[in-house]
Amino acid sequence: MELWMDLLFGNAIGLLSVVTVVGAIVIVGFIGVMLAIKSKPKHS
């Protein structure tokens, strides 16, 4: 836990790297949800 606190609040580079990783995970999750919604079979 001390490592994460040091990364988050120790310097700007650590915070930027954590924000980048979290942002990438959010974007991949959003694209995955969009693909799942688009690939649903249509009831016609």
PDB file of N, CA and C in Angstrom:
ATOM      1  N   MET A   1       0.830  -1.205   0.000  1.00  0.00           N
ATOM      2  CA  MET A   1       0.000   0.000   0.000  1.00  0.00           C
ATOM      3  C   MET A   1       0.863   1.253   0.000  1.00  0.00           C
ATOM      4  N   GLU A   2       1.995   1.182   0.641  1.00  0.00           N
ATOM      5  CA  GLU A   2       2.882   2.339   0.661  1.00  0.00           C
ATOM      6  C   GLU A   2       3.394   2.658  -0.740  1.00  0.00           C
ATOM      7  N   LEU A   3       3.604   1.614  -1.540  1.00  0.00           N
ATOM      8  CA  LEU A   3       4.040   1.826  -2.928  1.00  0.00           C
ATOM      9  C   LEU A   3       2.986   2.616  -3.702  1.00  0.00           C
ATOM     10  N   TRP A   4       1.709   2.267  -3.522  1.00  0.00           N
ATOM     11  CA  TRP A   4       0.653   2.968  -4.248  1.00  0.00           C
ATOM     12  C   TRP A   4       0.518   4.403  -3.768  1.00  0.00           C
ATOM     13  N   MET A   5       0.646   4.626  -2.476  1.00  0.00           N
ATOM     14  CA  MET A   5       0.577   5.987  -1.963  1.00  0.00           C
ATOM     15  C   MET A   5       1.730   6.825  -2.503  1.00  0.00           C
ATOM     16  N   ASP A   6       2.911   6.193  -2.591  1.00  0.00           N
ATOM     17  CA  ASP A   6       4.075   6.908  -3.139  1.00  0.00           C
ATOM     18  C   ASP A   6       3.872   7.194  -4.619  1.00  0.00           C
ATOM     19  N   LEU A   7       3.282   6.240  -5.354  1.00  0.00           N
ATOM     20  CA  LEU A   7       3.030   6.464  -6.777  1.00  0.00           C
ATOM     21  C   LEU A   7       1.993   7.562  -6.984  1.00  0.00           C
ATOM     22  N   LEU A   8       0.931   7.542  -6.169  1.00  0.00           N
ATOM     23  CA  LEU A   8      -0.150   8.502  -6.375  1.00  0.00           C
ATOM     24  C   LEU A   8       0.234   9.907  -5.939  1.00  0.00           C
ATOM     25  N   PHE A   9       0.887  10.012  -4.790  1.00  0.00           N
ATOM     26  CA  PHE A   9       1.123  11.333  -4.218  1.00  0.00           C
ATOM     27  C   PHE A   9       2.589  11.702  -4.125  1.00  0.00           C
ATOM     28  N   GLY A  10       3.469  10.814  -4.579  1.00  0.00           N
ATOM     29  CA  GLY A  10       4.894  11.096  -4.457  1.00  0.00           C
ATOM     30  C   GLY A  10       5.385  12.099  -5.482  1.00  0.00           C
ATOM     31  N   ASN A  11       5.030  11.889  -6.738  1.00  0.00           N
ATOM     32  CA  ASN A  11       5.466  12.818  -7.779  1.00  0.00           C
ATOM     33  C   ASN A  11       4.458  12.797  -8.920  1.00  0.00           C
ATOM     34  N   ALA A  12       4.615  13.716  -9.843  1.00  0.00           N
ATOM     35  CA  ALA A  12       3.653  13.856 -10.934  1.00  0.00           C
ATOM     36  C   ALA A  12       3.759  12.706 -11.930  1.00  0.00           C
ATOM     37  N   ILE A  13       4.956  12.161 -12.095  1.00  0.00           N
ATOM     38  CA  ILE A  13       5.132  11.084 -13.074  1.00  0.00           C
ATOM     39  C   ILE A  13       4.385   9.827 -12.617  1.00  0.00           C
ATOM     40  N   GLY A  14       4.449   9.503 -11.347  1.00  0.00           N
ATOM     41  CA  GLY A  14       3.727   8.344 -10.831  1.00  0.00           C
ATOM     42  C   GLY A  14       2.226   8.505 -10.974  1.00  0.00           C
ATOM     43  N   LEU A  15       1.727   9.693 -10.661  1.00  0.00           N
ATOM     44  CA  LEU A  15       0.300   9.963 -10.793  1.00  0.00           C
ATOM     45  C   LEU A  15      -0.123   9.868 -12.247  1.00  0.00           C
ATOM     46  N   LEU A  16       0.698  10.401 -13.140  1.00  0.00           N
ATOM     47  CA  LEU A  16       0.365  10.357 -14.564  1.00  0.00           C
ATOM     48  C   LEU A  16       0.338   8.927 -15.085  1.00  0.00           C
ATOM     49  N   SER A  17       1.244   8.089 -14.613  1.00  0.00           N
ATOM     50  CA  SER A  17       1.256   6.699 -15.067  1.00  0.00           C
ATOM     51  C   SER A  17       0.033   5.945 -14.547  1.00  0.00           C
ATOM     52  N   VAL A  18      -0.371   6.196 -13.316  1.00  0.00           N
ATOM     53  CA  VAL A  18      -1.568   5.543 -12.773  1.00  0.00           C
ATOM     54  C   VAL A  18      -2.804   6.009 -13.535  1.00  0.00           C
ATOM     55  N   VAL A  19      -2.896   7.301 -13.830  1.00  0.00           N
ATOM     56  CA  VAL A  19      -4.037   7.830 -14.576  1.00  0.00           C
ATOM     57  C   VAL A  19      -4.063   7.238 -15.980  1.00  0.00           C
ATOM     58  N   THR A  20      -2.903   7.062 -16.595  1.00  0.00           N
ATOM     59  CA  THR A  20      -2.841   6.491 -17.939  1.00  0.00           C
ATOM     60  C   THR A  20      -3.341   5.048 -17.951  1.00  0.00           C
ATOM     61  N   VAL A  21      -2.899   4.261 -16.979  1.00  0.00           N
ATOM     62  CA  VAL A  21      -3.328   2.862 -16.917  1.00  0.00           C
ATOM     63  C   VAL A  21      -4.826   2.771 -16.665  1.00  0.00           C
ATOM     64  N   VAL A  22      -5.344   3.544 -15.729  1.00  0.00           N
ATOM     65  CA  VAL A  22      -6.770   3.514 -15.424  1.00  0.00           C
ATOM     66  C   VAL A  22      -7.579   3.994 -16.631  1.00  0.00           C
ATOM     67  N   GLY A  23      -7.102   5.033 -17.300  1.00  0.00           N
ATOM     68  CA  GLY A  23      -7.789   5.528 -18.488  1.00  0.00           C
ATOM     69  C   GLY A  23      -7.830   4.490 -19.596  1.00  0.00           C
ATOM     70  N   ALA A  24      -6.733   3.776 -19.790  1.00  0.00           N
ATOM     71  CA  ALA A  24      -6.702   2.732 -20.821  1.00  0.00           C
ATOM     72  C   ALA A  24      -7.693   1.616 -20.494  1.00  0.00           C
ATOM     73  N   ILE A  25      -7.779   1.233 -19.222  1.00  0.00           N
ATOM     74  CA  ILE A  25      -8.720   0.183 -18.817  1.00  0.00           C
ATOM     75  C   ILE A  25     -10.159   0.649 -19.037  1.00  0.00           C
ATOM     76  N   VAL A  26     -10.445   1.901 -18.738  1.00  0.00           N
ATOM     77  CA  VAL A  26     -11.794   2.436 -18.929  1.00  0.00           C
ATOM     78  C   VAL A  26     -12.155   2.457 -20.409  1.00  0.00           C
ATOM     79  N   ILE A  27     -11.217   2.874 -21.256  1.00  0.00           N
ATOM     80  CA  ILE A  27     -11.489   2.938 -22.699  1.00  0.00           C
ATOM     81  C   ILE A  27     -11.723   1.539 -23.262  1.00  0.00           C
ATOM     82  N   VAL A  28     -10.897   0.571 -22.871  1.00  0.00           N
ATOM     83  CA  VAL A  28     -11.070  -0.798 -23.354  1.00  0.00           C
ATOM     84  C   VAL A  28     -12.409  -1.361 -22.878  1.00  0.00           C
ATOM     85  N   GLY A  29     -12.781  -1.084 -21.648  1.00  0.00           N
ATOM     86  CA  GLY A  29     -14.070  -1.547 -21.143  1.00  0.00           C
ATOM     87  C   GLY A  29     -15.229  -0.921 -21.897  1.00  0.00           C
ATOM     88  N   PHE A  30     -15.130   0.365 -22.191  1.00  0.00           N
ATOM     89  CA  PHE A  30     -16.192   1.049 -22.937  1.00  0.00           C
ATOM     90  C   PHE A  30     -16.334   0.462 -24.338  1.00  0.00           C
ATOM     91  N   ILE A  31     -15.212   0.219 -25.014  1.00  0.00           N
ATOM     92  CA  ILE A  31     -15.266  -0.365 -26.352  1.00  0.00           C
ATOM     93  C   ILE A  31     -15.840  -1.784 -26.289  1.00  0.00           C
ATOM     94  N   GLY A  32     -15.475  -2.540 -25.273  1.00  0.00           N
ATOM     95  CA  GLY A  32     -16.024  -3.884 -25.122  1.00  0.00           C
ATOM     96  C   GLY A  32     -17.527  -3.872 -24.916  1.00  0.00           C
ATOM     97  N   VAL A  33     -18.028  -2.948 -24.117  1.00  0.00           N
ATOM     98  CA  VAL A  33     -19.467  -2.842 -23.892  1.00  0.00           C
ATOM     99  C   VAL A  33     -20.170  -2.432 -25.181  1.00  0.00           C
ATOM    100  N   MET A  34     -19.588  -1.494 -25.910  1.00  0.00           N
ATOM    101  CA  MET A  34     -20.182  -1.072 -27.182  1.00  0.00           C
ATOM    102  C   MET A  34     -20.238  -2.241 -28.169  1.00  0.00           C
ATOM    103  N   LEU A  35     -19.177  -3.028 -28.235  1.00  0.00           N
ATOM    104  CA  LEU A  35     -19.167  -4.184 -29.131  1.00  0.00           C
ATOM    105  C   LEU A  35     -20.221  -5.207 -28.705  1.00  0.00           C
ATOM    106  N   ALA A  36     -20.365  -5.427 -27.408  1.00  0.00           N
ATOM    107  CA  ALA A  36     -21.358  -6.391 -26.921  1.00  0.00           C
ATOM    108  C   ALA A  36     -22.768  -5.914 -27.250  1.00  0.00           C
ATOM    109  N   ILE A  37     -23.010  -4.607 -27.127  1.00  0.00           N
ATOM    110  CA  ILE A  37     -24.338  -4.082 -27.446  1.00  0.00           C
ATOM    111  C   ILE A  37     -24.599  -4.181 -28.950  1.00  0.00           C
ATOM    112  N   LYS A  38     -23.606  -3.838 -29.753  1.00  0.00           N
ATOM    113  CA  LYS A  38     -23.786  -3.863 -31.209  1.00  0.00           C
ATOM    114  C   LYS A  38     -23.925  -5.271 -31.751  1.00  0.00           C
ATOM    115  N   SER A  39     -23.331  -6.253 -31.100  1.00  0.00           N
ATOM    116  CA  SER A  39     -23.338  -7.614 -31.659  1.00  0.00           C
ATOM    117  C   SER A  39     -24.537  -8.441 -31.170  1.00  0.00           C
ATOM    118  N   LYS A  40     -25.430  -7.824 -30.403  1.00  0.00           N
ATOM    119  CA  LYS A  40     -26.639  -8.534 -29.991  1.00  0.00           C
ATOM    120  C   LYS A  40     -27.485  -8.839 -31.218  1.00  0.00           C
ATOM    121  N   PRO A  41     -28.060 -10.030 -31.294  1.00  0.00           N
ATOM    122  CA  PRO A  41     -28.943 -10.316 -32.440  1.00  0.00           C
ATOM    123  C   PRO A  41     -30.209  -9.473 -32.358  1.00  0.00           C
ATOM    124  N   LYS A  42     -30.623  -8.977 -33.522  1.00  0.00           N
ATOM    125  CA  LYS A  42     -31.835  -8.151 -33.563  1.00  0.00           C
ATOM    126  C   LYS A  42     -33.062  -9.050 -33.680  1.00  0.00           C
ATOM    127  N   HIS A  43     -34.098  -8.706 -32.930  1.00  0.00           N
ATOM    128  CA  HIS A  43     -35.358  -9.438 -33.015  1.00  0.00           C
ATOM    129  C   HIS A  43     -36.248  -8.736 -34.045  1.00  0.00           C
ATOM    130  N   SER A  44     -36.483  -9.416 -35.179  1.00  0.00           N
ATOM    131  CA  SER A  44     -37.315  -8.759 -36.193  1.00  0.00           C
ATOM    132  C   SER A  44     -38.414  -9.676 -36.699  1.00  0.00           C
TER     133      SER A  44
END
